[in-house]
N, C-alpha and C. Protein backbone atom coordinates (compact mmCIF):
# COMPACT_ATOMS: atom_id res chain seq x y z
N MET A 1 0.85 -1.17 0.00
CA MET A 1 0.00 0.00 0.00
C MET A 1 0.89 1.24 0.00
N GLU A 2 0.77 2.04 -1.03
CA GLU A 2 1.58 3.27 -1.13
C GLU A 2 0.78 4.45 -0.62
N SER A 3 1.43 5.28 0.18
CA SER A 3 0.76 6.46 0.71
C SER A 3 1.66 7.67 0.56
N ALA A 4 1.07 8.83 0.79
CA ALA A 4 1.81 10.08 0.71
C ALA A 4 1.58 10.87 1.99
N ARG A 5 2.44 11.80 2.24
CA ARG A 5 2.28 12.67 3.41
C ARG A 5 1.96 14.08 2.93
N GLY A 6 1.10 14.74 3.69
CA GLY A 6 0.72 16.09 3.31
C GLY A 6 0.11 16.83 4.48
N ILE A 7 -0.80 17.73 4.17
CA ILE A 7 -1.43 18.58 5.16
C ILE A 7 -2.94 18.44 5.06
N TYR A 8 -3.60 18.34 6.21
CA TYR A 8 -5.06 18.41 6.28
C TYR A 8 -5.37 19.83 6.73
N LEU A 9 -6.06 20.58 5.89
CA LEU A 9 -6.36 21.99 6.14
C LEU A 9 -7.87 22.13 6.24
N LYS A 10 -8.32 22.63 7.39
CA LYS A 10 -9.76 22.75 7.62
C LYS A 10 -10.09 24.17 8.08
N PHE A 11 -11.14 24.74 7.48
CA PHE A 11 -11.65 26.05 7.85
C PHE A 11 -13.01 25.89 8.50
N TYR A 12 -13.31 26.75 9.46
CA TYR A 12 -14.62 26.77 10.11
C TYR A 12 -15.27 28.10 9.79
N VAL A 13 -16.46 28.05 9.20
CA VAL A 13 -17.18 29.27 8.82
C VAL A 13 -18.65 29.13 9.20
N SER A 14 -19.33 30.26 9.30
CA SER A 14 -20.77 30.25 9.54
C SER A 14 -21.48 29.96 8.22
N GLU A 15 -22.53 29.20 8.32
CA GLU A 15 -23.26 28.72 7.14
C GLU A 15 -23.70 29.85 6.19
N TYR A 16 -24.18 30.97 6.75
CA TYR A 16 -24.73 32.03 5.91
C TYR A 16 -23.80 33.22 5.73
N ARG A 17 -22.56 33.11 6.23
CA ARG A 17 -21.61 34.22 6.07
C ARG A 17 -21.17 34.31 4.62
N GLU A 18 -21.04 35.55 4.14
CA GLU A 18 -20.68 35.79 2.74
C GLU A 18 -19.37 36.54 2.62
N HIS A 19 -18.73 36.35 1.47
CA HIS A 19 -17.54 37.10 1.07
C HIS A 19 -17.72 37.42 -0.41
N LYS A 20 -17.71 38.70 -0.72
CA LYS A 20 -17.90 39.15 -2.10
C LYS A 20 -19.21 38.64 -2.68
N GLY A 21 -20.26 38.59 -1.83
CA GLY A 21 -21.59 38.20 -2.29
C GLY A 21 -21.81 36.71 -2.46
N ILE A 22 -20.84 35.90 -2.01
CA ILE A 22 -20.93 34.44 -2.15
C ILE A 22 -20.78 33.83 -0.76
N LEU A 23 -21.52 32.77 -0.47
CA LEU A 23 -21.35 32.08 0.81
C LEU A 23 -19.88 31.68 0.96
N VAL A 24 -19.30 31.90 2.13
CA VAL A 24 -17.87 31.69 2.33
C VAL A 24 -17.46 30.25 2.03
N PHE A 25 -18.27 29.27 2.44
CA PHE A 25 -17.87 27.88 2.17
C PHE A 25 -17.84 27.61 0.67
N GLU A 26 -18.78 28.18 -0.08
CA GLU A 26 -18.77 28.02 -1.53
C GLU A 26 -17.59 28.77 -2.14
N TRP A 27 -17.33 29.96 -1.62
CA TRP A 27 -16.22 30.77 -2.12
C TRP A 27 -14.89 30.04 -1.91
N LEU A 28 -14.70 29.44 -0.72
CA LEU A 28 -13.47 28.69 -0.45
C LEU A 28 -13.29 27.51 -1.41
N LEU A 29 -14.36 26.77 -1.63
CA LEU A 29 -14.29 25.63 -2.55
C LEU A 29 -13.97 26.10 -3.97
N GLU A 30 -14.59 27.18 -4.38
CA GLU A 30 -14.34 27.69 -5.74
C GLU A 30 -12.92 28.22 -5.87
N ARG A 31 -12.42 28.94 -4.86
CA ARG A 31 -11.04 29.43 -4.89
C ARG A 31 -10.07 28.25 -4.97
N ALA A 32 -10.33 27.20 -4.19
CA ALA A 32 -9.47 26.03 -4.19
C ALA A 32 -9.48 25.34 -5.55
N ARG A 33 -10.65 25.24 -6.16
CA ARG A 33 -10.75 24.61 -7.49
C ARG A 33 -9.97 25.41 -8.52
N LYS A 34 -10.14 26.74 -8.51
CA LYS A 34 -9.41 27.60 -9.44
C LYS A 34 -7.90 27.59 -9.17
N PHE A 35 -7.54 27.40 -7.92
CA PHE A 35 -6.14 27.32 -7.53
C PHE A 35 -5.49 26.03 -8.03
N GLY A 36 -6.33 25.03 -8.31
CA GLY A 36 -5.83 23.77 -8.84
C GLY A 36 -5.80 22.62 -7.85
N LEU A 37 -6.42 22.80 -6.69
CA LEU A 37 -6.48 21.70 -5.74
C LEU A 37 -7.36 20.59 -6.31
N GLU A 38 -7.06 19.35 -5.93
CA GLU A 38 -7.76 18.21 -6.51
C GLU A 38 -9.08 17.88 -5.85
N GLY A 39 -9.39 18.51 -4.71
CA GLY A 39 -10.67 18.23 -4.07
C GLY A 39 -10.82 18.99 -2.77
N GLY A 40 -12.05 19.11 -2.35
CA GLY A 40 -12.37 19.77 -1.10
C GLY A 40 -13.78 19.39 -0.70
N THR A 41 -14.08 19.53 0.59
CA THR A 41 -15.39 19.13 1.10
C THR A 41 -15.91 20.16 2.07
N ALA A 42 -17.18 20.50 1.95
CA ALA A 42 -17.86 21.34 2.93
C ALA A 42 -18.87 20.46 3.66
N THR A 43 -18.81 20.48 4.99
CA THR A 43 -19.68 19.66 5.82
C THR A 43 -20.40 20.55 6.82
N ARG A 44 -21.71 20.47 6.82
CA ARG A 44 -22.54 21.26 7.73
C ARG A 44 -22.63 20.54 9.08
N ALA A 45 -22.41 21.29 10.15
CA ALA A 45 -22.44 20.72 11.50
C ALA A 45 -23.87 20.59 12.01
N VAL A 46 -24.05 19.76 12.99
CA VAL A 46 -25.33 19.62 13.67
C VAL A 46 -25.47 20.72 14.72
N ALA A 47 -24.35 21.05 15.35
CA ALA A 47 -24.32 22.11 16.36
C ALA A 47 -22.88 22.55 16.56
N GLY A 48 -22.70 23.72 17.17
CA GLY A 48 -21.36 24.19 17.46
C GLY A 48 -21.37 25.58 18.07
N PHE A 49 -20.20 25.96 18.59
CA PHE A 49 -20.03 27.32 19.08
C PHE A 49 -18.61 27.75 18.76
N GLY A 50 -18.42 29.06 18.65
CA GLY A 50 -17.11 29.59 18.30
C GLY A 50 -16.57 30.48 19.38
N ARG A 51 -15.64 31.36 18.99
CA ARG A 51 -14.93 32.19 19.96
C ARG A 51 -15.82 33.14 20.73
N HIS A 52 -17.02 33.43 20.21
CA HIS A 52 -17.94 34.33 20.91
C HIS A 52 -18.85 33.60 21.89
N GLY A 53 -18.78 32.27 21.90
CA GLY A 53 -19.50 31.47 22.87
C GLY A 53 -20.96 31.20 22.58
N ALA A 54 -21.49 31.74 21.49
CA ALA A 54 -22.91 31.52 21.16
C ALA A 54 -23.08 30.11 20.57
N LEU A 55 -24.00 29.35 21.16
CA LEU A 55 -24.28 28.01 20.67
C LEU A 55 -25.24 28.09 19.49
N HIS A 56 -24.87 27.45 18.41
CA HIS A 56 -25.71 27.38 17.22
C HIS A 56 -26.10 25.92 17.04
N GLU A 57 -27.39 25.68 16.97
CA GLU A 57 -27.85 24.31 16.75
C GLU A 57 -29.18 24.35 16.01
N GLU A 58 -29.40 23.32 15.25
CA GLU A 58 -30.64 23.22 14.50
C GLU A 58 -31.70 22.61 15.40
N THR A 59 -32.84 23.27 15.45
CA THR A 59 -33.97 22.72 16.20
C THR A 59 -35.15 22.63 15.25
N PHE A 60 -36.16 21.93 15.67
CA PHE A 60 -37.34 21.74 14.83
C PHE A 60 -38.00 23.07 14.47
N LEU A 61 -38.03 24.01 15.39
CA LEU A 61 -38.73 25.28 15.17
C LEU A 61 -37.86 26.34 14.52
N GLU A 62 -36.55 26.15 14.54
CA GLU A 62 -35.65 27.16 14.01
C GLU A 62 -35.40 26.91 12.52
N ILE A 63 -35.76 27.89 11.70
CA ILE A 63 -35.62 27.72 10.25
C ILE A 63 -34.17 27.96 9.80
N ALA A 64 -33.59 29.09 10.18
CA ALA A 64 -32.24 29.44 9.74
C ALA A 64 -31.30 29.44 10.93
N ALA A 65 -30.67 28.30 11.21
CA ALA A 65 -29.85 28.15 12.40
C ALA A 65 -28.46 28.77 12.27
N ASP A 66 -28.00 29.05 11.05
CA ASP A 66 -26.65 29.57 10.80
C ASP A 66 -25.60 28.69 11.47
N LEU A 67 -25.60 27.44 11.11
CA LEU A 67 -24.72 26.44 11.71
C LEU A 67 -23.29 26.56 11.19
N PRO A 68 -22.34 25.99 11.93
CA PRO A 68 -20.96 25.97 11.44
C PRO A 68 -20.84 25.05 10.22
N VAL A 69 -19.94 25.42 9.34
CA VAL A 69 -19.60 24.59 8.19
C VAL A 69 -18.09 24.38 8.22
N GLU A 70 -17.67 23.13 8.08
CA GLU A 70 -16.25 22.80 7.98
C GLU A 70 -15.91 22.63 6.50
N VAL A 71 -14.88 23.32 6.05
CA VAL A 71 -14.40 23.20 4.68
C VAL A 71 -13.00 22.62 4.76
N SER A 72 -12.81 21.43 4.20
CA SER A 72 -11.53 20.75 4.39
C SER A 72 -10.88 20.33 3.08
N PHE A 73 -9.55 20.27 3.14
CA PHE A 73 -8.73 19.91 1.99
C PHE A 73 -7.58 19.04 2.47
N VAL A 74 -7.15 18.11 1.62
CA VAL A 74 -5.92 17.37 1.84
C VAL A 74 -4.99 17.77 0.70
N LEU A 75 -3.81 18.29 1.05
CA LEU A 75 -2.92 18.83 0.04
C LEU A 75 -1.47 18.69 0.47
N THR A 76 -0.58 19.01 -0.43
CA THR A 76 0.85 18.96 -0.09
C THR A 76 1.19 20.15 0.80
N GLU A 77 2.35 20.08 1.46
CA GLU A 77 2.78 21.20 2.29
C GLU A 77 2.93 22.48 1.46
N GLU A 78 3.48 22.35 0.26
CA GLU A 78 3.66 23.51 -0.61
C GLU A 78 2.31 24.10 -1.02
N GLU A 79 1.36 23.24 -1.41
CA GLU A 79 0.03 23.73 -1.77
C GLU A 79 -0.64 24.44 -0.60
N ALA A 80 -0.49 23.88 0.60
CA ALA A 80 -1.10 24.49 1.79
C ALA A 80 -0.53 25.88 2.02
N ALA A 81 0.78 26.02 1.96
CA ALA A 81 1.42 27.32 2.17
C ALA A 81 0.97 28.33 1.12
N LEU A 82 0.95 27.92 -0.14
CA LEU A 82 0.55 28.82 -1.22
C LEU A 82 -0.93 29.20 -1.13
N PHE A 83 -1.77 28.23 -0.78
CA PHE A 83 -3.20 28.50 -0.67
C PHE A 83 -3.48 29.47 0.48
N LEU A 84 -2.82 29.26 1.62
CA LEU A 84 -2.99 30.19 2.75
C LEU A 84 -2.49 31.59 2.39
N ASP A 85 -1.38 31.67 1.64
CA ASP A 85 -0.89 32.98 1.17
C ASP A 85 -1.92 33.66 0.29
N LEU A 86 -2.54 32.90 -0.60
CA LEU A 86 -3.57 33.44 -1.49
C LEU A 86 -4.75 33.97 -0.69
N LEU A 87 -5.18 33.22 0.30
CA LEU A 87 -6.31 33.65 1.13
C LEU A 87 -5.95 34.87 1.97
N GLN A 88 -4.70 34.95 2.41
CA GLN A 88 -4.24 36.12 3.16
C GLN A 88 -4.41 37.39 2.34
N LEU A 89 -4.14 37.32 1.05
CA LEU A 89 -4.28 38.47 0.16
C LEU A 89 -5.73 38.92 0.00
N GLU A 90 -6.67 38.01 0.26
CA GLU A 90 -8.10 38.32 0.13
C GLU A 90 -8.62 39.13 1.31
N ASN A 91 -7.82 39.22 2.38
CA ASN A 91 -8.21 39.98 3.57
C ASN A 91 -9.56 39.50 4.13
N ILE A 92 -9.70 38.19 4.23
CA ILE A 92 -10.93 37.58 4.75
C ILE A 92 -10.62 36.98 6.13
N ASP A 93 -11.52 37.20 7.08
CA ASP A 93 -11.37 36.69 8.44
C ASP A 93 -11.76 35.21 8.47
N LEU A 94 -10.75 34.34 8.63
CA LEU A 94 -10.99 32.89 8.63
C LEU A 94 -10.25 32.24 9.78
N PHE A 95 -10.88 31.24 10.39
CA PHE A 95 -10.21 30.40 11.37
C PHE A 95 -9.91 29.06 10.70
N TYR A 96 -8.68 28.57 10.86
CA TYR A 96 -8.34 27.29 10.25
C TYR A 96 -7.50 26.46 11.20
N VAL A 97 -7.45 25.17 10.92
CA VAL A 97 -6.53 24.25 11.58
C VAL A 97 -5.76 23.52 10.48
N LYS A 98 -4.52 23.20 10.80
CA LYS A 98 -3.65 22.57 9.81
C LYS A 98 -2.81 21.53 10.55
N PHE A 99 -2.83 20.30 10.05
CA PHE A 99 -2.01 19.28 10.69
C PHE A 99 -1.56 18.25 9.67
N PRO A 100 -0.46 17.54 9.99
CA PRO A 100 0.07 16.55 9.05
C PRO A 100 -0.87 15.37 8.90
N VAL A 101 -0.86 14.81 7.71
CA VAL A 101 -1.73 13.68 7.42
C VAL A 101 -1.02 12.73 6.45
N GLU A 102 -1.37 11.47 6.55
CA GLU A 102 -0.93 10.48 5.58
C GLU A 102 -2.15 10.07 4.79
N TYR A 103 -2.03 9.99 3.47
CA TYR A 103 -3.18 9.66 2.64
C TYR A 103 -2.77 8.77 1.48
N GLY A 104 -3.77 8.15 0.88
CA GLY A 104 -3.51 7.28 -0.25
C GLY A 104 -4.81 6.84 -0.90
N PHE A 105 -4.68 5.99 -1.89
CA PHE A 105 -5.84 5.46 -2.61
C PHE A 105 -5.81 3.94 -2.55
N LEU A 106 -6.98 3.34 -2.46
CA LEU A 106 -7.09 1.90 -2.48
C LEU A 106 -7.92 1.48 -3.69
N PRO A 107 -7.68 0.40 -4.35
CA PRO A 107 -6.44 -0.37 -4.24
C PRO A 107 -5.29 0.37 -4.91
N ASP A 108 -4.06 -0.04 -4.55
CA ASP A 108 -2.85 0.59 -5.14
C ASP A 108 -2.80 0.36 -6.62
């Protein structure tokens, strides 16, 4: 089984937050695609809270919960550095986590 080492890069954004008139999670995926990344995923959370401490959760009666969305990518260290530099130039307020990962495809 052959594998590679790289970076797992994940951003946390509010579901309805926009940047340049586009939902931030969609904007991030589109920027990554145009940048040449091979894939990315946006996942809507069931519940969560951020640095301001407000709990966001979907309930039966709440129509627009504005839940957290995780946008994640697996990429090389060089791609991660370049992509973060590109986002820095956009002057957008983003929280991210970055950690080493091993990845591969099955079957070899």
